[in-house]
Amino acid sequence: MEQLNLETESDVGTAMCVRIDATEHQRIKKMIAATGMTGPELFRRALFARMDLERPLLTPEQAKSFETELKRQGNNINQIAKKINMGLMAGWSQALSAINVNYMKLSQMLTVNYANR
């Protein structure tokens, strides 16, 4: 792994070193050539433009709950599809409607959290 030092002569304050591999280093060199920016400028622009890193949409607990719910619903859809394909299930639209209600709840959770940012 190559090391890219983010500190420049004009920096005042805290310095930070980031370890990157050779492929990442080549990509950064291409970005520097394409934009005319320095490495530290690229990192600052990329990092500080990402508000989602500073204030994530969901807390870790909410994200875990969201993931669990998506997995549960995915499992339900797979079970419904299997039964439909086997010809064992009639009236499947009611089951899918229930899943749709759950997806709407998850969507609302994301919308509320996005608005609270």
Protein backbone atom coordinates (compact mmCIF):
# COMPACT_ATOMS: atom_id res chain seq x y z
CA MET A 1 0.00 0.00 0.00
CA GLU A 2 1.20 3.47 -0.83
CA GLN A 3 0.80 6.28 1.62
CA LEU A 4 -0.63 9.65 0.62
CA ASN A 5 0.20 12.46 3.01
CA LEU A 6 -2.66 14.96 3.11
CA GLU A 7 -0.61 17.67 4.78
CA THR A 8 0.71 20.54 2.65
CA GLU A 9 3.02 23.38 3.55
CA SER A 10 0.14 25.83 3.90
CA ASP A 11 -1.86 23.60 6.26
CA VAL A 12 -2.14 24.85 9.80
CA GLY A 13 -3.58 22.53 12.38
CA THR A 14 -4.03 18.82 12.48
CA ALA A 15 -2.54 16.61 9.77
CA MET A 16 -3.87 13.26 8.69
CA CYS A 17 -2.32 10.44 6.69
CA VAL A 18 -4.41 8.06 4.64
CA ARG A 19 -3.15 4.69 3.44
CA ILE A 20 -4.23 3.74 -0.06
CA ASP A 21 -3.30 0.92 -2.39
CA ALA A 22 -1.57 1.36 -5.75
CA THR A 23 -4.82 1.28 -7.72
CA GLU A 24 -6.36 4.00 -5.55
CA HIS A 25 -3.17 6.02 -5.90
CA GLN A 26 -3.39 5.81 -9.70
CA ARG A 27 -7.02 6.92 -9.60
CA ILE A 28 -6.15 9.88 -7.39
CA LYS A 29 -3.33 10.87 -9.73
CA LYS A 30 -5.82 10.80 -12.64
CA MET A 31 -8.25 12.95 -10.67
CA ILE A 32 -5.51 15.44 -9.84
CA ALA A 33 -4.54 15.65 -13.51
CA ALA A 34 -8.17 15.99 -14.63
CA THR A 35 -9.23 18.61 -12.08
CA GLY A 36 -6.02 20.52 -11.41
CA MET A 37 -6.68 20.17 -7.68
CA THR A 38 -4.19 18.92 -5.13
CA GLY A 39 -4.69 15.63 -3.30
CA PRO A 40 -5.79 17.36 -0.09
CA GLU A 41 -8.27 19.52 -2.01
CA LEU A 42 -9.80 16.43 -3.61
CA PHE A 43 -10.15 14.67 -0.28
CA ARG A 44 -11.65 17.71 1.43
CA ARG A 45 -14.14 18.31 -1.36
CA ALA A 46 -15.17 14.65 -1.50
CA LEU A 47 -15.38 14.20 2.27
CA PHE A 48 -16.99 17.44 3.36
CA ALA A 49 -19.58 17.38 0.58
CA ARG A 50 -20.95 14.19 2.15
CA MET A 51 -23.43 15.35 4.78
CA ASP A 52 -24.66 11.76 5.05
CA LEU A 53 -21.40 10.86 6.80
CA GLU A 54 -21.76 13.61 9.38
CA ARG A 55 -25.48 13.14 9.96
CA PRO A 56 -26.56 9.72 8.71
CA LEU A 57 -30.12 9.22 7.59
CA LEU A 58 -30.63 6.45 10.14
CA THR A 59 -29.04 5.72 13.48
CA PRO A 60 -27.21 2.38 13.66
CA GLU A 61 -30.17 0.94 15.60
CA GLN A 62 -32.67 2.21 13.03
CA ALA A 63 -30.53 0.88 10.17
CA LYS A 64 -30.40 -2.56 11.81
CA SER A 65 -34.18 -2.52 12.32
CA PHE A 66 -34.67 -1.40 8.71
CA GLU A 67 -32.40 -4.17 7.43
CA THR A 68 -34.21 -6.79 9.52
CA GLU A 69 -37.58 -5.64 8.22
CA LEU A 70 -36.41 -5.70 4.60
CA LYS A 71 -35.06 -9.22 5.04
CA ARG A 72 -38.34 -10.34 6.62
CA GLN A 73 -40.36 -8.87 3.78
CA GLY A 74 -38.04 -10.33 1.16
CA ASN A 75 -38.53 -13.74 2.76
CA ASN A 76 -42.31 -13.25 2.65
CA ILE A 77 -42.19 -12.34 -1.05
CA ASN A 78 -40.08 -15.41 -1.81
CA GLN A 79 -42.55 -17.64 0.02
CA ILE A 80 -45.49 -16.11 -1.85
CA ALA A 81 -43.72 -16.47 -5.21
CA LYS A 82 -42.87 -20.12 -4.47
CA LYS A 83 -46.48 -20.93 -3.60
CA ILE A 84 -47.81 -19.10 -6.66
CA ASN A 85 -45.35 -20.91 -8.93
CA MET A 86 -46.37 -24.26 -7.42
CA GLY A 87 -50.05 -23.40 -7.95
CA LEU A 88 -50.75 -23.73 -4.23
CA MET A 89 -51.82 -20.19 -3.49
CA ALA A 90 -54.88 -18.29 -4.57
CA GLY A 91 -55.72 -14.82 -3.32
CA TRP A 92 -52.08 -13.83 -3.23
CA SER A 93 -52.93 -10.20 -3.89
CA GLN A 94 -53.94 -9.81 -0.23
CA ALA A 95 -50.54 -11.04 0.92
CA LEU A 96 -48.77 -8.69 -1.47
CA SER A 97 -50.99 -5.81 -0.31
CA ALA A 98 -49.87 -6.43 3.27
CA ILE A 99 -46.24 -6.35 2.16
CA ASN A 100 -46.90 -3.11 0.27
CA VAL A 101 -48.24 -1.55 3.49
CA ASN A 102 -44.99 -2.54 5.23
CA TYR A 103 -42.91 -1.03 2.43
CA MET A 104 -44.88 2.20 2.77
CA LYS A 105 -44.05 2.26 6.49
CA LEU A 106 -40.35 1.82 5.72
CA SER A 107 -40.56 4.54 3.08
CA GLN A 108 -42.18 6.88 5.57
CA MET A 109 -39.43 6.12 8.09
CA LEU A 110 -36.80 7.12 5.53
CA THR A 111 -38.73 10.24 4.52
CA VAL A 112 -39.16 11.41 8.11
CA ASN A 113 -35.49 10.84 8.89
CA TYR A 114 -34.40 12.60 5.69
CA ALA A 115 -36.56 15.63 6.57
CA ASN A 116 -35.07 15.79 10.07
CA ARG A 117 -31.56 16.25 8.71
